[in-house]
Amino acid sequence: MPKLKSRKAAAKRFRRSGSGKIMRRKAFKNHLLQHKGTDRKNRLSKAAVTSEADAENVELMLPYL
């Protein structure tokens, strides 16, 4: 059976955590940062766990993750 290709856009956005969950980056930390508070920016910097409903689709996009 041939190897499966990964969706490269998804490969750049998702990582697997040590416990096996799929991690993602949080939104709203690209620009217009001068009016956002420091606590808020620090909170947005941390990785988040992908929801269960979305994790199934990510698994299909990344067969070897």
PDB file of N, CA and C in Angstrom:
ATOM      1  N   MET A   1       0.838  -1.183   0.000  1.00  0.00           N
ATOM      2  CA  MET A   1       0.000   0.000   0.000  1.00  0.00           C
ATOM      3  C   MET A   1       0.884   1.248   0.000  1.00  0.00           C
ATOM      4  N   PRO A   2       0.570   2.251  -0.807  1.00  0.00           N
ATOM      5  CA  PRO A   2       1.434   3.431  -0.873  1.00  0.00           C
ATOM      6  C   PRO A   2       1.325   4.286   0.386  1.00  0.00           C
ATOM      7  N   LYS A   3       2.342   5.099   0.560  1.00  0.00           N
ATOM      8  CA  LYS A   3       2.328   6.017   1.690  1.00  0.00           C
ATOM      9  C   LYS A   3       1.273   7.095   1.468  1.00  0.00           C
ATOM     10  N   LEU A   4       0.718   7.602   2.568  1.00  0.00           N
ATOM     11  CA  LEU A   4      -0.280   8.657   2.500  1.00  0.00           C
ATOM     12  C   LEU A   4       0.389  10.010   2.644  1.00  0.00           C
ATOM     13  N   LYS A   5      -0.127  10.996   1.947  1.00  0.00           N
ATOM     14  CA  LYS A   5       0.424  12.347   2.044  1.00  0.00           C
ATOM     15  C   LYS A   5      -0.277  13.112   3.154  1.00  0.00           C
ATOM     16  N   SER A   6       0.480  13.943   3.844  1.00  0.00           N
ATOM     17  CA  SER A   6      -0.075  14.831   4.866  1.00  0.00           C
ATOM     18  C   SER A   6      -0.540  16.120   4.217  1.00  0.00           C
ATOM     19  N   ARG A   7      -1.559  16.729   4.785  1.00  0.00           N
ATOM     20  CA  ARG A   7      -1.950  18.070   4.362  1.00  0.00           C
ATOM     21  C   ARG A   7      -0.934  19.030   4.960  1.00  0.00           C
ATOM     22  N   LYS A   8      -0.162  19.684   4.107  1.00  0.00           N
ATOM     23  CA  LYS A   8       0.954  20.480   4.601  1.00  0.00           C
ATOM     24  C   LYS A   8       0.500  21.681   5.423  1.00  0.00           C
ATOM     25  N   ALA A   9      -0.661  22.242   5.092  1.00  0.00           N
ATOM     26  CA  ALA A   9      -1.167  23.371   5.872  1.00  0.00           C
ATOM     27  C   ALA A   9      -1.472  22.926   7.297  1.00  0.00           C
ATOM     28  N   ALA A  10      -2.025  21.737   7.450  1.00  0.00           N
ATOM     29  CA  ALA A  10      -2.331  21.224   8.785  1.00  0.00           C
ATOM     30  C   ALA A  10      -1.058  20.834   9.530  1.00  0.00           C
ATOM     31  N   ALA A  11      -0.073  20.326   8.805  1.00  0.00           N
ATOM     32  CA  ALA A  11       1.176  19.911   9.440  1.00  0.00           C
ATOM     33  C   ALA A  11       1.903  21.091  10.071  1.00  0.00           C
ATOM     34  N   LYS A  12       1.711  22.277   9.500  1.00  0.00           N
ATOM     35  CA  LYS A  12       2.365  23.457  10.044  1.00  0.00           C
ATOM     36  C   LYS A  12       1.627  24.013  11.258  1.00  0.00           C
ATOM     37  N   ARG A  13       0.371  23.623  11.449  1.00  0.00           N
ATOM     38  CA  ARG A  13      -0.459  24.228  12.488  1.00  0.00           C
ATOM     39  C   ARG A  13      -0.685  23.353  13.711  1.00  0.00           C
ATOM     40  N   PHE A  14      -0.499  22.060  13.600  1.00  0.00           N
ATOM     41  CA  PHE A  14      -0.832  21.154  14.701  1.00  0.00           C
ATOM     42  C   PHE A  14       0.372  20.336  15.114  1.00  0.00           C
ATOM     43  N   ARG A  15       0.448  20.049  16.417  1.00  0.00           N
ATOM     44  CA  ARG A  15       1.492  19.199  16.986  1.00  0.00           C
ATOM     45  C   ARG A  15       0.840  18.208  17.936  1.00  0.00           C
ATOM     46  N   ARG A  16       1.527  17.124  18.213  1.00  0.00           N
ATOM     47  CA  ARG A  16       1.041  16.126  19.150  1.00  0.00           C
ATOM     48  C   ARG A  16       1.701  16.383  20.503  1.00  0.00           C
ATOM     49  N   SER A  17       0.907  16.355  21.564  1.00  0.00           N
ATOM     50  CA  SER A  17       1.460  16.563  22.900  1.00  0.00           C
ATOM     51  C   SER A  17       2.038  15.249  23.417  1.00  0.00           C
ATOM     52  N   GLY A  18       2.665  15.300  24.562  1.00  0.00           N
ATOM     53  CA  GLY A  18       3.247  14.096  25.147  1.00  0.00           C
ATOM     54  C   GLY A  18       2.212  13.053  25.504  1.00  0.00           C
ATOM     55  N   SER A  19       1.026  13.498  25.855  1.00  0.00           N
ATOM     56  CA  SER A  19      -0.033  12.556  26.217  1.00  0.00           C
ATOM     57  C   SER A  19      -0.845  12.107  25.012  1.00  0.00           C
ATOM     58  N   GLY A  20      -0.526  12.618  23.818  1.00  0.00           N
ATOM     59  CA  GLY A  20      -1.196  12.170  22.607  1.00  0.00           C
ATOM     60  C   GLY A  20      -2.281  13.097  22.103  1.00  0.00           C
ATOM     61  N   LYS A  21      -2.537  14.197  22.803  1.00  0.00           N
ATOM     62  CA  LYS A  21      -3.564  15.125  22.342  1.00  0.00           C
ATOM     63  C   LYS A  21      -2.990  16.022  21.249  1.00  0.00           C
ATOM     64  N   ILE A  22      -3.875  16.563  20.431  1.00  0.00           N
ATOM     65  CA  ILE A  22      -3.447  17.438  19.337  1.00  0.00           C
ATOM     66  C   ILE A  22      -3.516  18.875  19.825  1.00  0.00           C
ATOM     67  N   MET A  23      -2.384  19.568  19.724  1.00  0.00           N
ATOM     68  CA  MET A  23      -2.277  20.931  20.215  1.00  0.00           C
ATOM     69  C   MET A  23      -2.344  21.899  19.039  1.00  0.00           C
ATOM     70  N   ARG A  24      -2.852  23.101  19.317  1.00  0.00           N
ATOM     71  CA  ARG A  24      -2.965  24.140  18.308  1.00  0.00           C
ATOM     72  C   ARG A  24      -2.527  25.463  18.911  1.00  0.00           C
ATOM     73  N   ARG A  25      -2.326  26.440  18.043  1.00  0.00           N
ATOM     74  CA  ARG A  25      -1.980  27.791  18.462  1.00  0.00           C
ATOM     75  C   ARG A  25      -3.261  28.585  18.653  1.00  0.00           C
ATOM     76  N   LYS A  26      -3.249  29.559  19.531  1.00  0.00           N
ATOM     77  CA  LYS A  26      -4.418  30.401  19.740  1.00  0.00           C
ATOM     78  C   LYS A  26      -4.423  31.567  18.760  1.00  0.00           C
ATOM     79  N   ALA A  27      -5.612  32.060  18.473  1.00  0.00           N
ATOM     80  CA  ALA A  27      -5.778  33.152  17.521  1.00  0.00           C
ATOM     81  C   ALA A  27      -5.571  34.508  18.222  1.00  0.00           C
ATOM     82  N   PHE A  28      -5.558  35.574  17.446  1.00  0.00           N
ATOM     83  CA  PHE A  28      -5.527  36.971  17.916  1.00  0.00           C
ATOM     84  C   PHE A  28      -4.195  37.396  18.511  1.00  0.00           C
ATOM     85  N   LYS A  29      -3.084  36.829  18.058  1.00  0.00           N
ATOM     86  CA  LYS A  29      -1.791  37.293  18.541  1.00  0.00           C
ATOM     87  C   LYS A  29      -0.871  37.620  17.369  1.00  0.00           C
ATOM     88  N   ASN A  30      -1.418  38.142  16.275  1.00  0.00           N
ATOM     89  CA  ASN A  30      -0.599  38.470  15.113  1.00  0.00           C
ATOM     90  C   ASN A  30      -0.310  39.957  14.989  1.00  0.00           C
ATOM     91  N   HIS A  31      -1.317  40.784  15.167  1.00  0.00           N
ATOM     92  CA  HIS A  31      -1.118  42.222  14.982  1.00  0.00           C
ATOM     93  C   HIS A  31      -2.119  42.941  15.877  1.00  0.00           C
ATOM     94  N   LEU A  32      -2.041  44.275  15.872  1.00  0.00           N
ATOM     95  CA  LEU A  32      -2.867  45.118  16.756  1.00  0.00           C
ATOM     96  C   LEU A  32      -2.669  44.729  18.218  1.00  0.00           C
ATOM     97  N   LEU A  33      -1.418  44.570  18.606  1.00  0.00           N
ATOM     98  CA  LEU A  33      -1.110  44.091  19.954  1.00  0.00           C
ATOM     99  C   LEU A  33      -0.941  45.231  20.949  1.00  0.00           C
ATOM    100  N   GLN A  34      -0.861  46.473  20.485  1.00  0.00           N
ATOM    101  CA  GLN A  34      -0.554  47.562  21.410  1.00  0.00           C
ATOM    102  C   GLN A  34      -1.684  47.825  22.392  1.00  0.00           C
ATOM    103  N   HIS A  35      -2.925  47.510  22.032  1.00  0.00           N
ATOM    104  CA  HIS A  35      -4.028  47.774  22.954  1.00  0.00           C
ATOM    105  C   HIS A  35      -4.425  46.546  23.770  1.00  0.00           C
ATOM    106  N   LYS A  36      -3.771  45.414  23.536  1.00  0.00           N
ATOM    107  CA  LYS A  36      -4.066  44.208  24.305  1.00  0.00           C
ATOM    108  C   LYS A  36      -3.146  44.168  25.515  1.00  0.00           C
ATOM    109  N   GLY A  37      -3.683  43.723  26.631  1.00  0.00           N
ATOM    110  CA  GLY A  37      -2.916  43.694  27.867  1.00  0.00           C
ATOM    111  C   GLY A  37      -1.851  42.615  27.861  1.00  0.00           C
ATOM    112  N   THR A  38      -0.862  42.785  28.740  1.00  0.00           N
ATOM    113  CA  THR A  38       0.233  41.824  28.820  1.00  0.00           C
ATOM    114  C   THR A  38      -0.259  40.453  29.244  1.00  0.00           C
ATOM    115  N   ASP A  39      -1.172  40.410  30.219  1.00  0.00           N
ATOM    116  CA  ASP A  39      -1.701  39.120  30.665  1.00  0.00           C
ATOM    117  C   ASP A  39      -2.417  38.406  29.523  1.00  0.00           C
ATOM    118  N   ARG A  40      -3.176  39.155  28.765  1.00  0.00           N
ATOM    119  CA  ARG A  40      -3.908  38.578  27.641  1.00  0.00           C
ATOM    120  C   ARG A  40      -2.959  38.035  26.586  1.00  0.00           C
ATOM    121  N   LYS A  41      -1.893  38.786  26.294  1.00  0.00           N
ATOM    122  CA  LYS A  41      -0.933  38.341  25.281  1.00  0.00           C
ATOM    123  C   LYS A  41      -0.190  37.096  25.757  1.00  0.00           C
ATOM    124  N   ASN A  42       0.141  37.036  27.040  1.00  0.00           N
ATOM    125  CA  ASN A  42       0.797  35.841  27.570  1.00  0.00           C
ATOM    126  C   ASN A  42      -0.119  34.626  27.482  1.00  0.00           C
ATOM    127  N   ARG A  43      -1.393  34.835  27.762  1.00  0.00           N
ATOM    128  CA  ARG A  43      -2.364  33.748  27.694  1.00  0.00           C
ATOM    129  C   ARG A  43      -2.525  33.251  26.258  1.00  0.00           C
ATOM    130  N   LEU A  44      -2.495  34.169  25.302  1.00  0.00           N
ATOM    131  CA  LEU A  44      -2.630  33.797  23.902  1.00  0.00           C
ATOM    132  C   LEU A  44      -1.392  33.088  23.354  1.00  0.00           C
ATOM    133  N   SER A  45      -0.249  33.245  24.038  1.00  0.00           N
ATOM    134  CA  SER A  45       0.977  32.618  23.559  1.00  0.00           C
ATOM    135  C   SER A  45       1.006  31.122  23.817  1.00  0.00           C
ATOM    136  N   LYS A  46       0.259  30.667  24.792  1.00  0.00           N
ATOM    137  CA  LYS A  46       0.300  29.257  25.168  1.00  0.00           C
ATOM    138  C   LYS A  46      -0.486  28.406  24.178  1.00  0.00           C
ATOM    139  N   ALA A  47      -0.064  27.167  24.044  1.00  0.00           N
ATOM    140  CA  ALA A  47      -0.758  26.238  23.143  1.00  0.00           C
ATOM    141  C   ALA A  47      -2.058  25.782  23.773  1.00  0.00           C
ATOM    142  N   ALA A  48      -3.026  25.444  22.933  1.00  0.00           N
ATOM    143  CA  ALA A  48      -4.329  24.983  23.398  1.00  0.00           C
ATOM    144  C   ALA A  48      -4.589  23.597  22.826  1.00  0.00           C
ATOM    145  N   VAL A  49      -5.443  22.855  23.511  1.00  0.00           N
ATOM    146  CA  VAL A  49      -5.822  21.530  23.039  1.00  0.00           C
ATOM    147  C   VAL A  49      -6.944  21.681  22.013  1.00  0.00           C
ATOM    148  N   THR A  50      -6.829  20.983  20.905  1.00  0.00           N
ATOM    149  CA  THR A  50      -7.872  20.999  19.889  1.00  0.00           C
ATOM    150  C   THR A  50      -9.096  20.257  20.409  1.00  0.00           C
ATOM    151  N   SER A  51     -10.276  20.770  20.085  1.00  0.00           N
ATOM    152  CA  SER A  51     -11.506  20.142  20.562  1.00  0.00           C
ATOM    153  C   SER A  51     -11.651  18.738  19.979  1.00  0.00           C
ATOM    154  N   GLU A  52     -12.440  17.913  20.655  1.00  0.00           N
ATOM    155  CA  GLU A  52     -12.623  16.529  20.230  1.00  0.00           C
ATOM    156  C   GLU A  52     -13.208  16.443  18.821  1.00  0.00           C
ATOM    157  N   ALA A  53     -14.160  17.322  18.510  1.00  0.00           N
ATOM    158  CA  ALA A  53     -14.796  17.287  17.194  1.00  0.00           C
ATOM    159  C   ALA A  53     -13.799  17.621  16.089  1.00  0.00           C
ATOM    160  N   ASP A  54     -12.916  18.588  16.332  1.00  0.00           N
ATOM    161  CA  ASP A  54     -11.931  18.966  15.326  1.00  0.00           C
ATOM    162  C   ASP A  54     -10.767  17.991  15.268  1.00  0.00           C
ATOM    163  N   ALA A  55     -10.471  17.326  16.380  1.00  0.00           N
ATOM    164  CA  ALA A  55      -9.335  16.408  16.428  1.00  0.00           C
ATOM    165  C   ALA A  55      -9.509  15.260  15.442  1.00  0.00           C
ATOM    166  N   GLU A  56     -10.736  14.811  15.243  1.00  0.00           N
ATOM    167  CA  GLU A  56     -10.984  13.723  14.296  1.00  0.00           C
ATOM    168  C   GLU A  56     -10.592  14.140  12.886  1.00  0.00           C
ATOM    169  N   ASN A  57     -10.925  15.369  12.498  1.00  0.00           N
ATOM    170  CA  ASN A  57     -10.570  15.851  11.163  1.00  0.00           C
ATOM    171  C   ASN A  57      -9.067  16.040  11.020  1.00  0.00           C
ATOM    172  N   VAL A  58      -8.421  16.486  12.081  1.00  0.00           N
ATOM    173  CA  VAL A  58      -6.970  16.677  12.028  1.00  0.00           C
ATOM    174  C   VAL A  58      -6.268  15.330  11.872  1.00  0.00           C
ATOM    175  N   GLU A  59      -6.783  14.304  12.534  1.00  0.00           N
ATOM    176  CA  GLU A  59      -6.199  12.959  12.411  1.00  0.00           C
ATOM    177  C   GLU A  59      -6.237  12.483  10.954  1.00  0.00           C
ATOM    178  N   LEU A  60      -7.331  12.806  10.259  1.00  0.00           N
ATOM    179  CA  LEU A  60      -7.437  12.402   8.854  1.00  0.00           C
ATOM    180  C   LEU A  60      -6.467  13.183   7.981  1.00  0.00           C
ATOM    181  N   MET A  61      -6.234  14.449   8.306  1.00  0.00           N
ATOM    182  CA  MET A  61      -5.333  15.281   7.516  1.00  0.00           C
ATOM    183  C   MET A  61      -3.876  14.924   7.749  1.00  0.00           C
ATOM    184  N   LEU A  62      -3.562  14.394   8.948  1.00  0.00           N
ATOM    185  CA  LEU A  62      -2.189  14.068   9.308  1.00  0.00           C
ATOM    186  C   LEU A  62      -2.098  12.600   9.703  1.00  0.00           C
ATOM    187  N   PRO A  63      -1.968  11.694   8.740  1.00  0.00           N
ATOM    188  CA  PRO A  63      -2.023  10.270   9.059  1.00  0.00           C
ATOM    189  C   PRO A  63      -0.873   9.773   9.921  1.00  0.00           C
ATOM    190  N   TYR A  64       0.282  10.441   9.896  1.00  0.00           N
ATOM    191  CA  TYR A  64       1.442   9.951  10.649  1.00  0.00           C
ATOM    192  C   TYR A  64       1.789  10.820  11.837  1.00  0.00           C
ATOM    193  N   LEU A  65       0.858  11.662  12.281  1.00  0.00           N
ATOM    194  CA  LEU A  65       1.119  12.552  13.417  1.00  0.00           C
ATOM    195  C   LEU A  65       1.144  11.770  14.711  1.00  0.00           C
TER     196      LEU A  65
END
